[in-house]
N, C-alpha and C. Protein backbone atom coordinates (compact mmCIF):
# COMPACT_ATOMS: atom_id res chain seq x y z
N ILE A 1 0.83 -1.19 0.00
CA ILE A 1 0.00 0.00 0.00
C ILE A 1 0.87 1.25 0.00
N GLN A 2 2.00 1.20 0.72
CA GLN A 2 2.85 2.38 0.83
C GLN A 2 3.46 2.77 -0.51
N LYS A 3 3.82 1.78 -1.33
CA LYS A 3 4.42 2.12 -2.61
C LYS A 3 3.39 2.68 -3.59
N ASN A 4 2.12 2.44 -3.35
CA ASN A 4 1.06 2.94 -4.21
C ASN A 4 0.27 4.07 -3.55
N SER A 5 0.77 4.63 -2.47
CA SER A 5 0.00 5.62 -1.71
C SER A 5 -0.32 6.88 -2.51
N SER A 6 0.61 7.36 -3.32
CA SER A 6 0.32 8.57 -4.09
C SER A 6 -0.72 8.30 -5.17
N THR A 7 -0.66 7.13 -5.80
CA THR A 7 -1.67 6.76 -6.79
C THR A 7 -3.03 6.60 -6.14
N LEU A 8 -3.06 5.93 -4.99
CA LEU A 8 -4.32 5.75 -4.26
C LEU A 8 -4.92 7.09 -3.85
N LEU A 9 -4.09 7.99 -3.39
CA LEU A 9 -4.57 9.30 -2.95
C LEU A 9 -5.13 10.10 -4.13
N THR A 10 -4.41 10.09 -5.25
CA THR A 10 -4.86 10.81 -6.45
C THR A 10 -6.17 10.23 -6.97
N PHE A 11 -6.24 8.91 -7.08
CA PHE A 11 -7.43 8.28 -7.62
C PHE A 11 -8.62 8.39 -6.66
N THR A 12 -8.34 8.41 -5.35
CA THR A 12 -9.41 8.65 -4.37
C THR A 12 -9.99 10.04 -4.56
N GLY A 13 -9.15 11.02 -4.80
CA GLY A 13 -9.63 12.38 -5.05
C GLY A 13 -10.51 12.47 -6.28
N VAL A 14 -10.12 11.75 -7.34
CA VAL A 14 -10.93 11.74 -8.57
C VAL A 14 -12.31 11.13 -8.30
N THR A 15 -12.32 9.99 -7.62
CA THR A 15 -13.60 9.33 -7.32
C THR A 15 -14.44 10.17 -6.38
N PHE A 16 -13.81 10.75 -5.36
CA PHE A 16 -14.54 11.56 -4.39
C PHE A 16 -15.18 12.78 -5.06
N MET A 17 -14.45 13.44 -5.95
CA MET A 17 -15.01 14.63 -6.60
C MET A 17 -16.21 14.26 -7.47
N GLY A 18 -16.12 13.17 -8.22
CA GLY A 18 -17.26 12.73 -9.02
C GLY A 18 -18.45 12.38 -8.15
N ALA A 19 -18.18 11.68 -7.04
CA ALA A 19 -19.26 11.31 -6.13
C ALA A 19 -19.87 12.53 -5.45
N PHE A 20 -19.02 13.46 -5.03
CA PHE A 20 -19.50 14.65 -4.33
C PHE A 20 -20.32 15.56 -5.24
N LEU A 21 -19.82 15.82 -6.44
CA LEU A 21 -20.57 16.67 -7.37
C LEU A 21 -21.89 16.02 -7.77
N GLY A 22 -21.87 14.72 -8.02
CA GLY A 22 -23.10 14.01 -8.35
C GLY A 22 -24.08 14.01 -7.20
N LEU A 23 -23.55 13.87 -5.98
CA LEU A 23 -24.39 13.91 -4.78
C LEU A 23 -25.08 15.26 -4.66
N LEU A 24 -24.32 16.33 -4.85
CA LEU A 24 -24.91 17.67 -4.76
C LEU A 24 -25.97 17.89 -5.84
N LEU A 25 -25.62 17.54 -7.07
CA LEU A 25 -26.55 17.75 -8.18
C LEU A 25 -27.78 16.86 -8.06
N GLY A 26 -27.58 15.59 -7.74
CA GLY A 26 -28.71 14.67 -7.59
C GLY A 26 -29.62 15.05 -6.45
N SER A 27 -29.05 15.48 -5.34
CA SER A 27 -29.86 15.90 -4.19
C SER A 27 -30.63 17.17 -4.51
N ALA A 28 -30.00 18.10 -5.21
CA ALA A 28 -30.69 19.34 -5.58
C ALA A 28 -31.83 19.05 -6.56
N LEU A 29 -31.59 18.19 -7.53
CA LEU A 29 -32.67 17.84 -8.47
C LEU A 29 -33.79 17.07 -7.77
N GLY A 30 -33.43 16.19 -6.86
CA GLY A 30 -34.45 15.47 -6.09
C GLY A 30 -35.29 16.42 -5.25
N PHE A 31 -34.64 17.40 -4.64
CA PHE A 31 -35.36 18.41 -3.86
C PHE A 31 -36.30 19.20 -4.77
N PHE A 32 -35.82 19.55 -5.96
CA PHE A 32 -36.64 20.29 -6.92
C PHE A 32 -37.87 19.48 -7.34
N PHE A 33 -37.68 18.20 -7.65
CA PHE A 33 -38.82 17.35 -8.02
C PHE A 33 -39.80 17.20 -6.86
N ALA A 34 -39.29 17.13 -5.63
CA ALA A 34 -40.18 17.04 -4.47
C ALA A 34 -40.98 18.33 -4.30
N LEU A 35 -40.35 19.48 -4.53
CA LEU A 35 -41.08 20.75 -4.46
C LEU A 35 -42.20 20.81 -5.49
N ILE A 36 -41.89 20.38 -6.70
CA ILE A 36 -42.90 20.38 -7.76
C ILE A 36 -44.04 19.43 -7.41
N ALA A 37 -43.69 18.24 -6.92
CA ALA A 37 -44.73 17.25 -6.59
C ALA A 37 -45.59 17.70 -5.42
N THR A 38 -45.02 18.47 -4.52
CA THR A 38 -45.79 18.97 -3.38
C THR A 38 -46.64 20.17 -3.77
N THR A 39 -46.10 21.03 -4.62
CA THR A 39 -46.83 22.22 -5.04
C THR A 39 -47.98 21.88 -5.98
N TRP A 40 -47.72 21.03 -6.94
CA TRP A 40 -48.73 20.60 -7.91
C TRP A 40 -48.87 19.09 -7.84
N PRO A 41 -49.70 18.60 -6.93
CA PRO A 41 -49.76 17.15 -6.68
C PRO A 41 -50.15 16.30 -7.89
N LYS A 42 -51.05 16.79 -8.72
CA LYS A 42 -51.50 15.96 -9.85
C LYS A 42 -50.37 15.73 -10.86
N GLY A 43 -49.71 16.76 -11.30
CA GLY A 43 -48.64 16.62 -12.27
C GLY A 43 -47.33 16.19 -11.65
N GLY A 44 -47.11 16.58 -10.41
CA GLY A 44 -45.85 16.29 -9.75
C GLY A 44 -45.65 14.82 -9.43
N LYS A 45 -46.74 14.11 -9.19
CA LYS A 45 -46.63 12.68 -8.89
C LYS A 45 -46.04 11.93 -10.09
N GLY A 46 -46.36 12.39 -11.29
CA GLY A 46 -45.79 11.78 -12.49
C GLY A 46 -44.29 11.99 -12.55
N GLY A 47 -43.83 13.17 -12.13
CA GLY A 47 -42.40 13.44 -12.09
C GLY A 47 -41.69 12.56 -11.08
N LEU A 48 -42.32 12.35 -9.92
CA LEU A 48 -41.73 11.45 -8.93
C LEU A 48 -41.68 10.02 -9.44
N LEU A 49 -42.72 9.62 -10.14
CA LEU A 49 -42.75 8.27 -10.71
C LEU A 49 -41.63 8.10 -11.73
N LEU A 50 -41.38 9.14 -12.53
CA LEU A 50 -40.29 9.09 -13.51
C LEU A 50 -38.93 8.99 -12.83
N VAL A 51 -38.74 9.75 -11.76
CA VAL A 51 -37.47 9.70 -11.01
C VAL A 51 -37.26 8.31 -10.41
N VAL A 52 -38.29 7.74 -9.84
CA VAL A 52 -38.17 6.41 -9.24
C VAL A 52 -37.91 5.36 -10.32
N ALA A 53 -38.57 5.49 -11.47
CA ALA A 53 -38.34 4.54 -12.57
C ALA A 53 -36.91 4.65 -13.09
N LEU A 54 -36.39 5.85 -13.18
CA LEU A 54 -35.01 6.05 -13.62
C LEU A 54 -34.03 5.45 -12.62
N ASN A 55 -34.37 5.54 -11.34
CA ASN A 55 -33.52 4.97 -10.30
C ASN A 55 -33.54 3.44 -10.32
N ALA A 56 -34.59 2.86 -10.88
CA ALA A 56 -34.68 1.40 -10.93
C ALA A 56 -33.77 0.78 -11.99
N VAL A 57 -33.23 1.61 -12.89
CA VAL A 57 -32.30 1.11 -13.90
C VAL A 57 -31.00 0.73 -13.20
N PRO A 58 -30.49 -0.47 -13.41
CA PRO A 58 -29.24 -0.86 -12.75
C PRO A 58 -28.06 0.02 -13.18
N ILE A 59 -27.17 0.29 -12.23
CA ILE A 59 -26.01 1.15 -12.51
C ILE A 59 -25.16 0.52 -13.61
N MET A 60 -25.06 -0.80 -13.61
CA MET A 60 -24.24 -1.49 -14.62
C MET A 60 -24.79 -1.26 -16.03
N ALA A 61 -26.08 -1.07 -16.17
CA ALA A 61 -26.67 -0.78 -17.47
C ALA A 61 -26.58 0.71 -17.80
N LEU A 62 -26.63 1.54 -16.79
CA LEU A 62 -26.61 2.98 -16.98
C LEU A 62 -25.21 3.51 -17.30
N ALA A 63 -24.18 2.89 -16.73
CA ALA A 63 -22.81 3.39 -16.88
C ALA A 63 -22.34 3.45 -18.33
N PRO A 64 -22.49 2.40 -19.13
CA PRO A 64 -22.02 2.50 -20.53
C PRO A 64 -22.79 3.55 -21.33
N ILE A 65 -24.07 3.69 -21.06
CA ILE A 65 -24.87 4.70 -21.77
C ILE A 65 -24.40 6.10 -21.39
N ALA A 66 -24.18 6.33 -20.10
CA ALA A 66 -23.70 7.65 -19.65
C ALA A 66 -22.33 7.95 -20.23
N ASN A 67 -21.48 6.95 -20.34
CA ASN A 67 -20.16 7.16 -20.93
C ASN A 67 -20.27 7.53 -22.41
N LEU A 68 -21.23 6.96 -23.11
CA LEU A 68 -21.43 7.33 -24.51
C LEU A 68 -21.96 8.75 -24.63
N TRP A 69 -22.89 9.12 -23.78
CA TRP A 69 -23.51 10.44 -23.85
C TRP A 69 -22.58 11.56 -23.36
N PHE A 70 -21.87 11.32 -22.25
CA PHE A 70 -21.09 12.38 -21.60
C PHE A 70 -19.59 12.21 -21.76
N GLY A 71 -19.15 11.19 -22.46
CA GLY A 71 -17.72 10.95 -22.64
C GLY A 71 -17.14 10.15 -21.50
N SER A 72 -15.87 9.83 -21.61
CA SER A 72 -15.25 8.98 -20.61
C SER A 72 -14.66 9.78 -19.44
N GLY A 73 -14.87 11.07 -19.41
CA GLY A 73 -14.35 11.90 -18.33
C GLY A 73 -15.24 11.88 -17.10
N SER A 74 -15.06 12.89 -16.28
CA SER A 74 -15.80 12.95 -15.02
C SER A 74 -17.28 13.25 -15.22
N GLY A 75 -17.65 13.81 -16.38
CA GLY A 75 -19.06 14.13 -16.63
C GLY A 75 -19.96 12.92 -16.58
N SER A 76 -19.51 11.80 -17.10
CA SER A 76 -20.34 10.60 -17.08
C SER A 76 -20.50 10.06 -15.67
N ARG A 77 -19.44 10.13 -14.87
CA ARG A 77 -19.56 9.65 -13.49
C ARG A 77 -20.47 10.56 -12.67
N VAL A 78 -20.38 11.85 -12.89
CA VAL A 78 -21.27 12.78 -12.19
C VAL A 78 -22.71 12.51 -12.59
N ALA A 79 -22.95 12.23 -13.88
CA ALA A 79 -24.31 11.93 -14.35
C ALA A 79 -24.84 10.65 -13.71
N ILE A 80 -24.01 9.63 -13.62
CA ILE A 80 -24.43 8.36 -13.01
C ILE A 80 -24.77 8.57 -11.54
N VAL A 81 -23.94 9.29 -10.83
CA VAL A 81 -24.19 9.55 -9.40
C VAL A 81 -25.44 10.42 -9.24
N THR A 82 -25.62 11.39 -10.12
CA THR A 82 -26.80 12.25 -10.06
C THR A 82 -28.08 11.44 -10.19
N ILE A 83 -28.11 10.56 -11.18
CA ILE A 83 -29.30 9.72 -11.39
C ILE A 83 -29.52 8.79 -10.20
N THR A 84 -28.44 8.28 -9.65
CA THR A 84 -28.55 7.35 -8.53
C THR A 84 -29.05 8.02 -7.26
N THR A 85 -28.69 9.26 -7.03
CA THR A 85 -29.02 9.93 -5.77
C THR A 85 -30.31 10.76 -5.82
N MET A 86 -30.83 10.97 -7.00
CA MET A 86 -32.00 11.83 -7.16
C MET A 86 -33.24 11.26 -6.47
N ALA A 87 -33.49 9.98 -6.62
CA ALA A 87 -34.74 9.38 -6.14
C ALA A 87 -34.85 9.40 -4.63
N ALA A 88 -33.78 9.07 -3.92
CA ALA A 88 -33.87 9.05 -2.46
C ALA A 88 -34.23 10.42 -1.90
N MET A 89 -33.62 11.47 -2.47
CA MET A 89 -33.93 12.82 -2.00
C MET A 89 -35.36 13.20 -2.38
N ALA A 90 -35.77 12.91 -3.60
CA ALA A 90 -37.11 13.29 -4.05
C ALA A 90 -38.19 12.62 -3.20
N ILE A 91 -38.06 11.34 -2.97
CA ILE A 91 -39.08 10.61 -2.21
C ILE A 91 -39.08 11.05 -0.75
N ASN A 92 -37.91 11.17 -0.15
CA ASN A 92 -37.86 11.57 1.27
C ASN A 92 -38.37 12.99 1.47
N MET A 93 -37.96 13.91 0.62
CA MET A 93 -38.41 15.29 0.78
C MET A 93 -39.91 15.42 0.52
N HIS A 94 -40.41 14.69 -0.45
CA HIS A 94 -41.86 14.72 -0.70
C HIS A 94 -42.63 14.19 0.50
N LYS A 95 -42.13 13.12 1.08
CA LYS A 95 -42.77 12.57 2.27
C LYS A 95 -42.72 13.58 3.41
N GLY A 96 -41.59 14.23 3.59
CA GLY A 96 -41.45 15.21 4.66
C GLY A 96 -42.34 16.44 4.47
N MET A 97 -42.53 16.85 3.21
CA MET A 97 -43.35 18.04 2.95
C MET A 97 -44.84 17.74 2.92
N THR A 98 -45.21 16.47 2.81
CA THR A 98 -46.64 16.15 2.78
C THR A 98 -47.15 15.57 4.09
N ASN A 99 -46.29 14.99 4.91
CA ASN A 99 -46.70 14.45 6.21
C ASN A 99 -46.63 15.54 7.28
N ILE A 100 -47.54 16.47 7.15
CA ILE A 100 -47.57 17.63 8.05
C ILE A 100 -48.68 17.42 9.09
N ASN A 101 -48.42 17.85 10.28
CA ASN A 101 -49.44 17.83 11.32
C ASN A 101 -50.56 18.78 10.90
N PRO A 102 -51.79 18.28 10.80
CA PRO A 102 -52.91 19.13 10.36
C PRO A 102 -53.11 20.36 11.26
N LEU A 103 -52.76 20.23 12.53
CA LEU A 103 -52.91 21.37 13.44
C LEU A 103 -51.96 22.51 13.06
N ALA A 104 -50.77 22.16 12.58
CA ALA A 104 -49.82 23.19 12.16
C ALA A 104 -50.35 23.93 10.93
N LEU A 105 -50.96 23.19 10.00
CA LEU A 105 -51.55 23.83 8.82
C LEU A 105 -52.73 24.71 9.21
N ASP A 106 -53.57 24.21 10.14
CA ASP A 106 -54.70 25.02 10.60
C ASP A 106 -54.24 26.30 11.28
N LEU A 107 -53.17 26.20 12.06
CA LEU A 107 -52.63 27.38 12.73
C LEU A 107 -52.15 28.40 11.70
N MET A 108 -51.43 27.93 10.69
CA MET A 108 -50.94 28.85 9.65
C MET A 108 -52.10 29.49 8.89
N HIS A 109 -53.13 28.71 8.63
CA HIS A 109 -54.30 29.28 7.93
C HIS A 109 -55.03 30.28 8.82
N SER A 110 -55.07 30.03 10.13
CA SER A 110 -55.73 30.98 11.03
C SER A 110 -54.95 32.30 11.10
N TYR A 111 -53.65 32.25 10.84
CA TYR A 111 -52.83 33.46 10.77
C TYR A 111 -52.89 34.11 9.40
N ALA A 112 -53.67 33.54 8.49
CA ALA A 112 -53.79 34.03 7.11
C ALA A 112 -52.45 34.01 6.38
N ALA A 113 -51.71 32.94 6.62
CA ALA A 113 -50.40 32.81 5.99
C ALA A 113 -50.56 32.47 4.51
N LYS A 114 -49.67 33.02 3.71
CA LYS A 114 -49.66 32.73 2.28
C LYS A 114 -49.10 31.32 2.07
N LYS A 115 -49.36 30.80 0.86
CA LYS A 115 -48.88 29.46 0.55
C LYS A 115 -47.35 29.38 0.64
N SER A 116 -46.66 30.44 0.22
CA SER A 116 -45.20 30.45 0.30
C SER A 116 -44.72 30.45 1.75
N GLU A 117 -45.46 31.13 2.63
CA GLU A 117 -45.09 31.14 4.04
C GLU A 117 -45.32 29.78 4.69
N VAL A 118 -46.39 29.12 4.30
CA VAL A 118 -46.64 27.76 4.81
C VAL A 118 -45.52 26.83 4.35
N PHE A 119 -45.11 26.98 3.10
CA PHE A 119 -44.01 26.17 2.60
C PHE A 119 -42.74 26.43 3.40
N ARG A 120 -42.40 27.68 3.57
CA ARG A 120 -41.14 28.04 4.21
C ARG A 120 -41.13 27.69 5.70
N HIS A 121 -42.22 27.97 6.41
CA HIS A 121 -42.21 27.82 7.86
C HIS A 121 -42.69 26.45 8.35
N VAL A 122 -43.46 25.75 7.55
CA VAL A 122 -43.99 24.47 8.01
C VAL A 122 -43.44 23.31 7.18
N ARG A 123 -43.67 23.34 5.88
CA ARG A 123 -43.31 22.19 5.04
C ARG A 123 -41.79 21.97 4.98
N ILE A 124 -41.03 23.02 4.75
CA ILE A 124 -39.57 22.86 4.64
C ILE A 124 -38.99 22.43 5.99
N TRP A 125 -39.42 23.06 7.07
CA TRP A 125 -38.89 22.70 8.38
C TRP A 125 -39.26 21.27 8.76
N ASN A 126 -40.45 20.85 8.40
CA ASN A 126 -40.88 19.48 8.71
C ASN A 126 -40.08 18.46 7.91
N SER A 127 -39.60 18.85 6.74
CA SER A 127 -38.90 17.89 5.87
C SER A 127 -37.41 17.78 6.16
N LEU A 128 -36.85 18.60 7.05
CA LEU A 128 -35.41 18.55 7.32
C LEU A 128 -34.92 17.19 7.82
N PRO A 129 -35.61 16.52 8.75
CA PRO A 129 -35.13 15.18 9.14
C PRO A 129 -35.12 14.20 7.95
N TYR A 130 -36.10 14.33 7.08
CA TYR A 130 -36.16 13.47 5.89
C TYR A 130 -35.01 13.79 4.93
N MET A 131 -34.65 15.07 4.85
CA MET A 131 -33.55 15.46 3.97
C MET A 131 -32.23 14.88 4.47
N PHE A 132 -32.00 14.93 5.78
CA PHE A 132 -30.75 14.39 6.31
C PHE A 132 -30.70 12.87 6.18
N THR A 133 -31.84 12.22 6.27
CA THR A 133 -31.88 10.77 6.02
C THR A 133 -31.52 10.48 4.58
N ALA A 134 -32.04 11.27 3.64
CA ALA A 134 -31.72 11.07 2.22
C ALA A 134 -30.24 11.33 1.96
N LEU A 135 -29.68 12.36 2.59
CA LEU A 135 -28.25 12.64 2.42
C LEU A 135 -27.39 11.51 2.96
N LYS A 136 -27.82 10.91 4.06
CA LYS A 136 -27.10 9.78 4.63
C LYS A 136 -27.11 8.59 3.67
N ILE A 137 -28.24 8.32 3.07
CA ILE A 137 -28.36 7.25 2.08
C ILE A 137 -27.52 7.58 0.85
N ASN A 138 -27.62 8.81 0.39
CA ASN A 138 -26.94 9.23 -0.83
C ASN A 138 -25.43 9.28 -0.70
N ALA A 139 -24.91 9.49 0.51
CA ALA A 139 -23.46 9.53 0.68
C ALA A 139 -22.83 8.20 0.30
N THR A 140 -23.44 7.12 0.73
CA THR A 140 -22.93 5.79 0.39
C THR A 140 -23.25 5.45 -1.06
N ALA A 141 -24.47 5.75 -1.49
CA ALA A 141 -24.86 5.42 -2.87
C ALA A 141 -24.02 6.18 -3.89
N SER A 142 -23.59 7.39 -3.55
CA SER A 142 -22.79 8.16 -4.50
C SER A 142 -21.42 7.53 -4.71
N MET A 143 -20.82 7.01 -3.66
CA MET A 143 -19.52 6.34 -3.81
C MET A 143 -19.67 5.06 -4.63
N ILE A 144 -20.71 4.31 -4.37
CA ILE A 144 -20.94 3.08 -5.13
C ILE A 144 -21.12 3.40 -6.61
N ALA A 145 -21.96 4.39 -6.90
CA ALA A 145 -22.23 4.75 -8.30
C ALA A 145 -20.98 5.29 -8.99
N ALA A 146 -20.17 6.08 -8.28
CA ALA A 146 -18.96 6.62 -8.89
C ALA A 146 -17.96 5.50 -9.21
N ILE A 147 -17.82 4.56 -8.31
CA ILE A 147 -16.88 3.46 -8.53
C ILE A 147 -17.35 2.57 -9.66
N VAL A 148 -18.63 2.25 -9.70
CA VAL A 148 -19.15 1.42 -10.80
C VAL A 148 -19.02 2.16 -12.12
N GLY A 149 -19.25 3.47 -12.11
CA GLY A 149 -19.10 4.26 -13.33
C GLY A 149 -17.67 4.27 -13.84
N GLU A 150 -16.72 4.12 -12.94
CA GLU A 150 -15.31 4.12 -13.34
C GLU A 150 -14.86 2.77 -13.90
N PHE A 151 -15.65 1.75 -13.73
CA PHE A 151 -15.30 0.45 -14.30
C PHE A 151 -15.33 0.51 -15.83
N PHE A 152 -16.10 1.43 -16.40
CA PHE A 152 -16.29 1.50 -17.84
C PHE A 152 -15.56 2.73 -18.39
N TYR A 153 -14.61 2.53 -19.24
CA TYR A 153 -13.95 3.59 -20.03
C TYR A 153 -13.25 4.66 -19.21
N ALA A 154 -12.98 4.45 -17.96
CA ALA A 154 -12.30 5.47 -17.16
C ALA A 154 -10.79 5.26 -17.23
N SER A 155 -10.06 6.32 -16.98
CA SER A 155 -8.60 6.21 -16.94
C SER A 155 -8.06 6.62 -15.58
N GLN A 156 -8.95 6.99 -14.66
CA GLN A 156 -8.56 7.35 -13.30
C GLN A 156 -9.70 7.00 -12.36
N GLY A 157 -9.41 6.96 -11.09
CA GLY A 157 -10.42 6.72 -10.08
C GLY A 157 -10.25 5.36 -9.42
N LEU A 158 -10.88 5.21 -8.26
CA LEU A 158 -10.77 3.96 -7.51
C LEU A 158 -11.39 2.78 -8.25
N GLY A 159 -12.48 3.01 -8.95
CA GLY A 159 -13.11 1.93 -9.72
C GLY A 159 -12.20 1.44 -10.82
N TYR A 160 -11.56 2.36 -11.51
CA TYR A 160 -10.61 2.00 -12.56
C TYR A 160 -9.43 1.23 -11.97
N LEU A 161 -8.88 1.72 -10.87
CA LEU A 161 -7.73 1.07 -10.23
C LEU A 161 -8.13 -0.31 -9.69
N LEU A 162 -9.31 -0.41 -9.11
CA LEU A 162 -9.80 -1.69 -8.60
C LEU A 162 -9.97 -2.70 -9.73
N SER A 163 -10.59 -2.27 -10.81
CA SER A 163 -10.80 -3.15 -11.96
C SER A 163 -9.46 -3.64 -12.52
N ASN A 164 -8.52 -2.74 -12.69
CA ASN A 164 -7.22 -3.13 -13.25
C ASN A 164 -6.42 -4.00 -12.29
N SER A 165 -6.48 -3.73 -11.00
CA SER A 165 -5.71 -4.53 -10.04
C SER A 165 -6.27 -5.95 -9.96
N ILE A 166 -7.55 -6.13 -10.13
CA ILE A 166 -8.14 -7.47 -10.14
C ILE A 166 -7.74 -8.21 -11.41
N LYS A 167 -7.72 -7.50 -12.54
CA LYS A 167 -7.36 -8.14 -13.81
C LYS A 167 -5.94 -8.69 -13.80
N VAL A 168 -5.02 -8.00 -13.12
CA VAL A 168 -3.62 -8.45 -13.09
C VAL A 168 -3.26 -9.11 -11.77
N ALA A 169 -4.26 -9.49 -11.00
CA ALA A 169 -4.11 -10.24 -9.75
C ALA A 169 -3.25 -9.52 -8.72
N GLN A 170 -3.39 -8.21 -8.60
CA GLN A 170 -2.75 -7.44 -7.53
C GLN A 170 -3.78 -7.22 -6.43
N MET A 171 -4.08 -8.27 -5.72
CA MET A 171 -5.16 -8.24 -4.74
C MET A 171 -4.91 -7.28 -3.58
N PRO A 172 -3.68 -7.10 -3.09
CA PRO A 172 -3.51 -6.10 -2.02
C PRO A 172 -3.93 -4.69 -2.46
N LEU A 173 -3.61 -4.35 -3.70
CA LEU A 173 -4.02 -3.04 -4.22
C LEU A 173 -5.53 -2.97 -4.37
N GLY A 174 -6.14 -4.06 -4.81
CA GLY A 174 -7.61 -4.12 -4.92
C GLY A 174 -8.29 -3.96 -3.58
N TRP A 175 -7.76 -4.65 -2.56
CA TRP A 175 -8.33 -4.52 -1.23
C TRP A 175 -8.10 -3.12 -0.66
N ALA A 176 -6.99 -2.52 -0.99
CA ALA A 176 -6.74 -1.15 -0.55
C ALA A 176 -7.79 -0.20 -1.13
N CYS A 177 -8.12 -0.41 -2.40
CA CYS A 177 -9.17 0.41 -3.03
C CYS A 177 -10.51 0.23 -2.34
N ILE A 178 -10.83 -1.01 -1.98
CA ILE A 178 -12.10 -1.29 -1.30
C ILE A 178 -12.15 -0.64 0.08
N VAL A 179 -11.06 -0.74 0.82
CA VAL A 179 -11.00 -0.16 2.17
C VAL A 179 -11.11 1.37 2.09
N ILE A 180 -10.40 1.96 1.15
CA ILE A 180 -10.45 3.42 1.01
C ILE A 180 -11.85 3.88 0.58
N ALA A 181 -12.46 3.16 -0.35
CA ALA A 181 -13.82 3.51 -0.78
C ALA A 181 -14.81 3.40 0.37
N SER A 182 -14.64 2.40 1.21
CA SER A 182 -15.52 2.23 2.38
C SER A 182 -15.33 3.39 3.36
N ALA A 183 -14.09 3.76 3.59
CA ALA A 183 -13.81 4.87 4.52
C ALA A 183 -14.37 6.18 4.00
N VAL A 184 -14.21 6.44 2.72
CA VAL A 184 -14.73 7.68 2.14
C VAL A 184 -16.26 7.66 2.14
N GLY A 185 -16.86 6.51 1.90
CA GLY A 185 -18.32 6.40 1.92
C GLY A 185 -18.92 6.67 3.30
N ILE A 186 -18.19 6.27 4.31
CA ILE A 186 -18.66 6.51 5.69
C ILE A 186 -18.56 7.98 6.02
């Protein structure tokens, strides 16, 4: 491990950046879809259904397609992580914004609060525990998606290094990649 420490550190940074950017983008898009589904329930439910259906596509099937669309650089890995993390945030935030105590809504209506004020003071605050749960899920899922995305057409990253070390039977290096990926995921 010591002789490969600089390579491991560099490739960990590449994987982490792809996972982190995808996590941010996927979580933001999931939050956006949850806002739409909560604001306009009839049309928004279809958007949530689409996000969940997209999340049901296996990463192994999605990775080659993303590499064709976005190239073999970091864009494809960010896209894969974005798609992987979007659903957990969308579903959790929608649940948090719709499972409101009816008394809190009645209180806001008795104060003649506008719909935007109800959103800001009741729905968003109620959904914060759900958001942190989604972020906890997405932190691990983003590392998994980034590593799987690097198995295809990548030239850097822990997934690429893991794949190559297994092909040439360098198992200590492969296990080092797994341990580092686990530590970063936590």
